[in-house]
Amino acid sequence: MRGSVEHSWGWGHCAPSPLLLLTLLLFAAPFGLLGEKTRQVSLEVIPNWLGPVQNLLHIRAVGTNSTLHYMWSSLGPLAVVLVATNTPHSTLSVNWSRLLSPEPDGGLIVLPKDSIQFSSALVFTRLLEFDSTNVSDTAAKPPGTPYPPYSLADFSWNNITDSLDPATLSATFQGHPMNDPTRTFANGSLAFRVQAFSRSSRPAQPPRLLHTADTCQLEVALVGASPRGNRSLFGLEVATLGQGPDCPSMQEQHSIDDEYAPAVFQSPIVRAFFGSQNNFCAFNLTFGASTGPGYWDQHYLSWSMLLGVGFPPVDGLSPLVLGIMAVALGAPGLMLLVGGLVLLLYHKKYSEYQSIN
């Protein structure tokens, strides 16, 4: 998958695949929302006082003059609603009776409403699987013959409260199909680990995506599920909101620094916030290549992406690359300098003479 659309933004990494920095979902936020160096971040699982536990994770990232709200939920397929406001005092209001009703419009509200500068959503609708046995690895061809997809709306998910970690500002949605007659997920699961950040940095673990305080990272992991073919490729179907009659265009962005360059890739809470009149656009993220190695080797697949507002963080040159450049460019320059001095001194030695009378 290659591309980007004009809303919130992100980029992803999945291994193995060619080194490529992918910009997904680019949105230029209002100027007042950009450039927050640090944010005070809090994670809260919103309790449902009316009945069974429901997974609704609210990440609130407060800056000097703005607040970012991420609402992650597994009500229906896994989805996130991102809202940016121009005040550090905006709050989330949840009406559970309305949210769980057949008409959830207005079940999620960010107050005050006039502080909202931008809002968008991503819905992870289906896990895709393809048989790539007889498919060559060319971008122009489809990834292979599709198997029936797994609908994430039909997954059973863990209680998100059990995985909430305030120290790392992270939580994990882990699930498997509720109806699994072939027991492909008997020993497997699909996990979505969400992590927020209070400042710019890089995680210690690969793929070490550069993040800022305006971003939230999502790591997707498929572990232990039995593939339905000998060379199965997997992917995700993702839907996002379109602001016009047409779907946003997609584009790719390469990184100058290969050390860090990653490579590529209706929900109730969306309707609860945006209402029922929306233009959804879907695209697929396919992981790996048919030439392998692939999921069939280790029964493990992981992929990471960043979501946020503003412009994606710019990858600077790492110390390793700077060191290599210094050696590569400095050594020839030093040799030229030394050679020039030697020639100069040699010429001076034999050009200075005294006449003999």
Protein backbone atom coordinates (compact mmCIF):
# COMPACT_ATOMS: atom_id res chain seq x y z
CA MET A 1 0.00 0.00 0.00
CA ARG A 2 1.29 3.41 -0.86
CA GLY A 3 -0.29 6.74 -0.23
CA SER A 4 -1.68 9.56 1.81
CA VAL A 5 -5.02 11.27 2.28
CA GLU A 6 -5.86 14.74 3.47
CA HIS A 7 -7.10 14.37 7.02
CA SER A 8 -5.20 13.45 10.11
CA TRP A 9 -1.90 11.93 9.13
CA GLY A 10 0.35 9.03 9.85
CA TRP A 11 3.00 6.74 8.53
CA GLY A 12 3.61 3.09 9.00
CA HIS A 13 6.14 0.29 9.15
CA CYS A 14 5.73 -3.37 8.41
CA ALA A 15 8.48 -5.89 8.07
CA PRO A 16 9.70 -7.38 5.85
CA SER A 17 9.40 -4.88 2.98
CA PRO A 18 11.47 -2.27 1.09
CA LEU A 19 12.62 0.77 3.02
CA LEU A 20 10.04 3.46 2.45
CA LEU A 21 8.68 6.31 4.53
CA LEU A 22 4.95 6.48 3.96
CA THR A 23 2.77 9.47 4.70
CA LEU A 24 -0.82 8.36 5.30
CA LEU A 25 -3.54 10.87 5.95
CA LEU A 26 -1.91 14.29 5.81
CA PHE A 27 -3.76 17.24 7.30
CA ALA A 28 -2.44 20.77 7.68
CA ALA A 29 -3.92 21.88 10.99
CA PRO A 30 -4.64 25.54 11.83
CA PHE A 31 -1.45 27.38 12.75
CA GLY A 32 -2.39 27.71 16.42
CA LEU A 33 -2.42 23.93 16.82
CA LEU A 34 1.08 23.36 15.45
CA GLY A 35 4.42 23.18 17.19
CA GLU A 36 3.48 22.12 20.73
CA LYS A 37 6.82 20.96 22.16
CA THR A 38 5.28 19.15 25.12
CA ARG A 39 1.81 18.10 26.20
CA GLN A 40 0.28 16.81 29.40
CA VAL A 41 -1.13 13.42 28.39
CA SER A 42 -3.73 11.37 30.25
CA LEU A 43 -5.36 8.05 29.40
CA GLU A 44 -8.82 7.12 30.67
CA VAL A 45 -11.15 4.22 30.00
CA ILE A 46 -14.62 5.77 30.02
CA PRO A 47 -16.82 3.52 32.21
CA ASN A 48 -20.26 2.39 31.10
CA TRP A 49 -22.51 2.73 34.14
CA LEU A 50 -25.51 1.29 32.30
CA GLY A 51 -24.37 -2.27 31.68
CA PRO A 52 -21.47 -4.49 30.57
CA VAL A 53 -17.96 -3.11 30.21
CA GLN A 54 -17.40 -1.37 26.88
CA ASN A 55 -14.00 -0.45 25.46
CA LEU A 56 -13.82 3.32 25.06
CA LEU A 57 -10.33 4.77 25.56
CA HIS A 58 -9.92 8.54 25.76
CA ILE A 59 -6.44 10.02 25.29
CA ARG A 60 -6.30 13.72 26.16
CA ALA A 61 -3.13 15.62 25.22
CA VAL A 62 -3.13 19.17 26.56
CA GLY A 63 -0.79 21.85 25.23
CA THR A 64 -0.34 25.54 25.93
CA ASN A 65 -3.13 26.67 23.61
CA SER A 66 -4.71 23.47 22.34
CA THR A 67 -5.94 19.99 23.20
CA LEU A 68 -5.93 16.79 21.17
CA HIS A 69 -8.59 14.17 21.90
CA TYR A 70 -8.21 10.60 20.65
CA MET A 71 -11.24 8.34 21.23
CA TRP A 72 -10.41 4.69 20.55
CA SER A 73 -13.14 2.06 20.74
CA SER A 74 -13.94 -1.52 19.78
CA LEU A 75 -17.69 -0.85 19.66
CA GLY A 76 -18.22 -2.41 16.24
CA PRO A 77 -14.92 -2.48 14.29
CA LEU A 78 -11.94 -0.84 15.95
CA ALA A 79 -12.03 2.90 15.32
CA VAL A 80 -10.47 6.17 16.43
CA VAL A 81 -11.93 9.67 16.37
CA LEU A 82 -9.37 12.49 16.47
CA VAL A 83 -10.46 15.98 17.54
CA ALA A 84 -8.23 19.04 17.87
CA THR A 85 -9.38 22.12 19.79
CA ASN A 86 -7.89 25.59 20.28
CA THR A 87 -8.17 25.57 24.06
CA PRO A 88 -6.42 23.62 26.82
CA HIS A 89 -9.75 23.29 28.64
CA SER A 90 -11.86 21.24 26.18
CA THR A 91 -13.45 18.05 27.53
CA LEU A 92 -15.17 14.90 26.26
CA SER A 93 -18.80 14.16 27.11
CA VAL A 94 -20.17 10.61 26.63
CA ASN A 95 -23.87 9.73 26.63
CA TRP A 96 -23.80 5.93 26.95
CA SER A 97 -27.53 5.39 26.50
CA ARG A 98 -27.38 7.23 23.18
CA LEU A 99 -24.03 5.75 22.16
CA LEU A 100 -25.30 2.18 22.55
CA SER A 101 -28.65 2.86 20.88
CA PRO A 102 -29.46 2.16 17.21
CA GLU A 103 -29.16 5.93 16.63
CA PRO A 104 -25.89 6.92 18.34
CA ASP A 105 -25.74 10.46 16.88
CA GLY A 106 -24.61 12.86 19.61
CA GLY A 107 -23.33 10.11 21.89
CA LEU A 108 -19.83 11.66 21.84
CA ILE A 109 -19.37 15.42 22.19
CA VAL A 110 -16.24 17.53 22.69
CA LEU A 111 -17.03 20.73 24.56
CA PRO A 112 -17.03 23.62 23.94
CA LYS A 113 -18.13 22.85 20.40
CA ASP A 114 -16.86 26.16 19.01
CA SER A 115 -13.31 25.28 20.10
CA ILE A 116 -13.08 22.39 17.60
CA GLN A 117 -10.64 23.21 14.82
CA PHE A 118 -10.36 19.82 13.19
CA SER A 119 -11.90 16.35 13.47
CA SER A 120 -11.53 13.11 11.55
CA ALA A 121 -11.70 9.35 12.03
CA LEU A 122 -10.18 6.04 11.01
CA VAL A 123 -12.09 2.75 11.08
CA PHE A 124 -10.25 -0.57 10.80
CA THR A 125 -13.00 -2.60 9.19
CA ARG A 126 -11.58 -5.97 8.06
CA LEU A 127 -8.51 -8.20 8.30
CA LEU A 128 -7.68 -9.34 4.78
CA GLU A 129 -5.89 -12.53 3.68
CA PHE A 130 -4.60 -13.36 0.19
CA ASP A 131 -3.13 -16.50 -1.38
CA SER A 132 0.06 -15.30 -3.07
CA THR A 133 1.37 -18.72 -4.16
CA ASN A 134 1.20 -17.97 -7.90
CA VAL A 135 1.64 -14.20 -7.81
CA SER A 136 4.85 -12.43 -8.78
CA ASP A 137 5.97 -9.52 -6.63
CA THR A 138 5.02 -6.60 -8.86
CA ALA A 139 3.27 -3.46 -7.69
CA ALA A 140 0.94 -3.47 -10.69
CA LYS A 141 -0.60 -6.82 -9.76
CA PRO A 142 -3.01 -7.62 -6.92
CA PRO A 143 -1.48 -9.34 -3.87
CA GLY A 144 -3.19 -12.63 -4.70
CA THR A 145 -6.49 -14.50 -4.60
CA PRO A 146 -8.49 -13.24 -1.60
CA TYR A 147 -9.86 -15.49 1.09
CA PRO A 148 -13.09 -14.45 2.87
CA PRO A 149 -12.07 -11.47 5.06
CA TYR A 150 -12.39 -11.31 8.84
CA SER A 151 -14.78 -8.54 9.91
CA LEU A 152 -13.38 -6.72 12.94
CA ALA A 153 -16.96 -5.88 13.93
CA ASP A 154 -17.35 -9.59 14.69
CA PHE A 155 -14.28 -9.80 16.94
CA SER A 156 -14.34 -10.36 20.67
CA TRP A 157 -11.98 -7.93 22.41
CA ASN A 158 -10.24 -7.95 25.78
CA ASN A 159 -11.11 -5.53 28.57
CA ILE A 160 -8.93 -2.55 27.69
CA THR A 161 -8.64 -1.58 31.37
CA ASP A 162 -6.45 -4.62 32.05
CA SER A 163 -3.79 -3.41 29.59
CA LEU A 164 -3.82 0.29 30.51
CA ASP A 165 -0.30 1.44 31.38
CA PRO A 166 -0.05 5.07 32.57
CA ALA A 167 3.76 4.82 32.77
CA THR A 168 4.13 4.24 29.01
CA LEU A 169 0.87 6.03 28.11
CA SER A 170 -0.28 2.90 26.28
CA ALA A 171 -3.12 0.38 26.10
CA THR A 172 -3.79 -2.69 23.93
CA PHE A 173 -6.93 -3.90 22.18
CA GLN A 174 -6.52 -7.66 21.67
CA GLY A 175 -9.16 -9.78 19.96
CA HIS A 176 -10.15 -12.79 17.90
CA PRO A 177 -13.22 -13.73 15.83
CA MET A 178 -16.27 -14.66 17.91
CA ASN A 179 -17.26 -17.20 15.24
CA ASP A 180 -14.22 -19.28 14.27
CA PRO A 181 -15.43 -22.65 12.93
CA THR A 182 -12.05 -23.51 11.36
CA ARG A 183 -10.21 -22.51 14.58
CA THR A 184 -7.71 -20.39 12.68
CA PHE A 185 -7.48 -18.14 15.74
CA ALA A 186 -7.47 -20.96 18.30
CA ASN A 187 -3.95 -19.96 19.34
CA GLY A 188 -3.81 -16.54 17.74
CA SER A 189 -4.92 -12.95 18.15
CA LEU A 190 -4.97 -9.57 16.47
CA ALA A 191 -3.70 -6.76 18.70
CA PHE A 192 -3.76 -2.97 18.37
CA ARG A 193 -1.39 -1.25 20.82
CA VAL A 194 -2.05 2.47 21.20
CA GLN A 195 0.59 4.78 22.68
CA ALA A 196 0.62 8.54 23.24
CA PHE A 197 3.63 10.82 23.76
CA SER A 198 4.29 13.94 25.82
CA ARG A 199 7.31 15.14 23.80
CA SER A 200 9.37 14.50 20.67
CA SER A 201 11.58 11.42 20.66
CA ARG A 202 12.05 7.91 19.28
CA PRO A 203 11.01 4.68 21.02
CA ALA A 204 13.76 2.31 22.06
CA GLN A 205 12.21 -0.57 20.11
CA PRO A 206 12.05 -0.85 16.28
CA PRO A 207 10.88 0.62 13.98
CA ARG A 208 11.73 3.71 16.10
CA LEU A 209 9.29 6.03 14.34
CA LEU A 210 10.04 9.66 15.10
CA HIS A 211 7.12 11.07 17.08
CA THR A 212 6.09 14.39 18.58
CA ALA A 213 3.70 15.50 21.28
CA ASP A 214 1.10 15.96 18.51
CA THR A 215 1.08 12.26 17.60
CA CYS A 216 -0.24 8.92 18.75
CA GLN A 217 1.31 5.61 17.66
CA LEU A 218 -0.57 2.47 16.69
CA GLU A 219 1.17 -0.91 16.51
CA VAL A 220 -0.76 -3.76 14.87
CA ALA A 221 0.34 -7.34 15.56
CA LEU A 222 -1.08 -10.58 14.13
CA VAL A 223 0.30 -13.46 16.18
CA GLY A 224 -0.30 -17.21 16.11
CA ALA A 225 -3.28 -17.29 13.74
CA SER A 226 -3.20 -20.18 11.24
CA PRO A 227 -2.95 -18.97 7.62
CA ARG A 228 -5.40 -20.50 5.17
CA GLY A 229 -2.71 -20.96 2.53
CA ASN A 230 0.95 -21.89 2.22
CA ARG A 231 1.97 -18.33 1.33
CA SER A 232 -0.71 -16.10 2.79
CA LEU A 233 -0.35 -12.32 2.74
CA PHE A 234 -2.35 -10.24 5.20
CA GLY A 235 -3.64 -6.70 5.21
CA LEU A 236 -6.11 -4.30 6.78
CA GLU A 237 -9.04 -2.51 5.22
CA VAL A 238 -9.20 1.02 6.58
CA ALA A 239 -11.95 3.59 6.12
CA THR A 240 -11.65 7.32 6.65
CA LEU A 241 -13.94 10.31 6.32
CA GLY A 242 -13.98 12.22 3.05
CA GLN A 243 -14.57 15.97 3.15
CA GLY A 244 -15.91 16.17 -0.40
CA PRO A 245 -17.63 14.10 -3.08
CA ASP A 246 -14.37 12.33 -3.98
CA CYS A 247 -11.99 10.26 -1.91
CA PRO A 248 -8.66 11.86 -0.98
CA SER A 249 -5.66 11.08 -3.15
CA MET A 250 -2.71 8.96 -2.01
CA GLN A 251 0.98 9.76 -2.20
CA GLU A 252 4.22 8.32 -0.84
CA GLN A 253 7.19 10.03 0.75
CA HIS A 254 10.73 8.63 0.94
CA SER A 255 13.15 9.33 3.76
CA ILE A 256 16.74 10.44 3.27
CA ASP A 257 17.83 8.44 6.31
CA ASP A 258 17.57 4.67 5.76
CA GLU A 259 18.47 3.89 9.35
CA TYR A 260 15.06 5.05 10.55
CA ALA A 261 13.06 4.90 7.31
CA PRO A 262 10.03 2.67 7.88
CA ALA A 263 8.39 0.75 5.10
CA VAL A 264 5.06 -0.02 3.96
CA PHE A 265 1.44 0.13 4.41
CA GLN A 266 -19.60 2.19 9.97
CA SER A 267 -18.40 2.31 13.50
CA PRO A 268 -20.76 3.45 16.24
CA ILE A 269 -18.34 5.98 17.75
CA VAL A 270 -17.78 7.64 14.35
CA ARG A 271 -21.50 8.07 13.81
CA ALA A 272 -21.89 9.16 17.44
CA PHE A 273 -19.57 12.11 16.85
CA PHE A 274 -20.08 12.97 13.17
CA GLY A 275 -23.68 11.91 12.63
CA SER A 276 -25.03 9.69 9.88
CA GLN A 277 -24.29 11.87 6.83
CA ASN A 278 -20.69 11.05 6.00
CA ASN A 279 -18.64 10.14 2.96
CA PHE A 280 -16.42 7.15 3.85
CA CYS A 281 -13.43 6.24 1.72
CA ALA A 282 -11.74 2.85 2.07
CA PHE A 283 -8.22 1.73 1.23
CA ASN A 284 -6.17 -1.41 1.90
CA LEU A 285 -2.85 -1.81 3.69
CA THR A 286 -1.09 -5.00 2.54
CA PHE A 287 1.78 -6.32 4.64
CA GLY A 288 4.88 -7.98 3.21
CA ALA A 289 5.62 -9.29 -0.28
CA SER A 290 4.70 -12.53 -2.03
CA THR A 291 8.39 -13.38 -2.49
CA GLY A 292 8.78 -13.62 1.29
CA PRO A 293 9.85 -14.07 3.93
CA GLY A 294 6.35 -13.62 5.21
CA TYR A 295 3.80 -14.42 7.87
CA TRP A 296 3.91 -18.11 6.93
CA ASP A 297 7.46 -18.41 8.33
CA GLN A 298 6.97 -17.34 11.95
CA HIS A 299 3.21 -16.78 12.21
CA TYR A 300 3.99 -13.24 13.31
CA LEU A 301 3.36 -9.88 11.67
CA SER A 302 3.68 -6.35 13.05
CA TRP A 303 3.08 -2.90 11.60
CA SER A 304 3.32 0.57 13.13
CA MET A 305 1.83 3.94 12.20
CA LEU A 306 1.54 7.42 13.64
CA LEU A 307 -1.61 9.52 13.78
CA GLY A 308 -1.69 13.22 14.53
CA VAL A 309 -2.37 16.74 13.34
CA GLY A 310 -0.16 19.17 11.50
CA PHE A 311 2.77 18.11 9.35
CA PRO A 312 4.60 14.79 9.85
CA PRO A 313 7.79 15.10 11.91
CA VAL A 314 10.78 15.59 9.62
CA ASP A 315 13.41 12.90 9.77
CA GLY A 316 16.83 14.45 10.40
CA LEU A 317 20.08 12.65 9.75
CA SER A 318 20.98 10.27 12.56
CA PRO A 319 24.42 10.37 14.30
CA LEU A 320 25.40 7.14 12.52
CA VAL A 321 24.64 8.58 9.09
CA LEU A 322 26.37 11.87 9.98
CA GLY A 323 29.44 9.91 11.06
CA ILE A 324 29.50 7.92 7.84
CA MET A 325 29.11 11.11 5.81
CA ALA A 326 31.91 12.78 7.75
CA VAL A 327 34.26 9.88 7.05
CA ALA A 328 33.17 9.47 3.44
CA LEU A 329 33.42 13.18 2.61
CA GLY A 330 36.13 14.18 5.07
CA ALA A 331 38.78 11.62 4.13
CA PRO A 332 39.01 12.62 0.43
CA GLY A 333 38.99 16.28 1.42
CA LEU A 334 41.80 15.71 3.91
CA MET A 335 43.83 13.82 1.30
CA LEU A 336 43.38 16.69 -1.18
CA LEU A 337 44.46 19.20 1.44
CA VAL A 338 47.56 17.23 2.42
CA GLY A 339 48.43 16.59 -1.23
CA GLY A 340 48.10 20.29 -2.02
CA LEU A 341 50.40 21.26 0.86
CA VAL A 342 52.99 18.71 -0.23
CA LEU A 343 52.98 20.01 -3.79
CA LEU A 344 53.19 23.60 -2.56
CA LEU A 345 56.16 22.89 -0.31
CA TYR A 346 57.87 20.82 -3.03
CA HIS A 347 57.47 23.64 -5.54
CA LYS A 348 58.75 26.23 -3.05
CA LYS A 349 61.82 24.14 -2.22
CA TYR A 350 63.00 23.95 -5.81
CA SER A 351 61.92 27.44 -6.91
CA GLU A 352 63.97 29.33 -4.29
CA TYR A 353 67.57 29.80 -5.55
CA GLN A 354 70.44 32.32 -5.49
CA SER A 355 72.27 33.49 -8.54
CA ILE A 356 76.04 32.76 -8.76
CA ASN A 357 78.24 35.60 -9.87
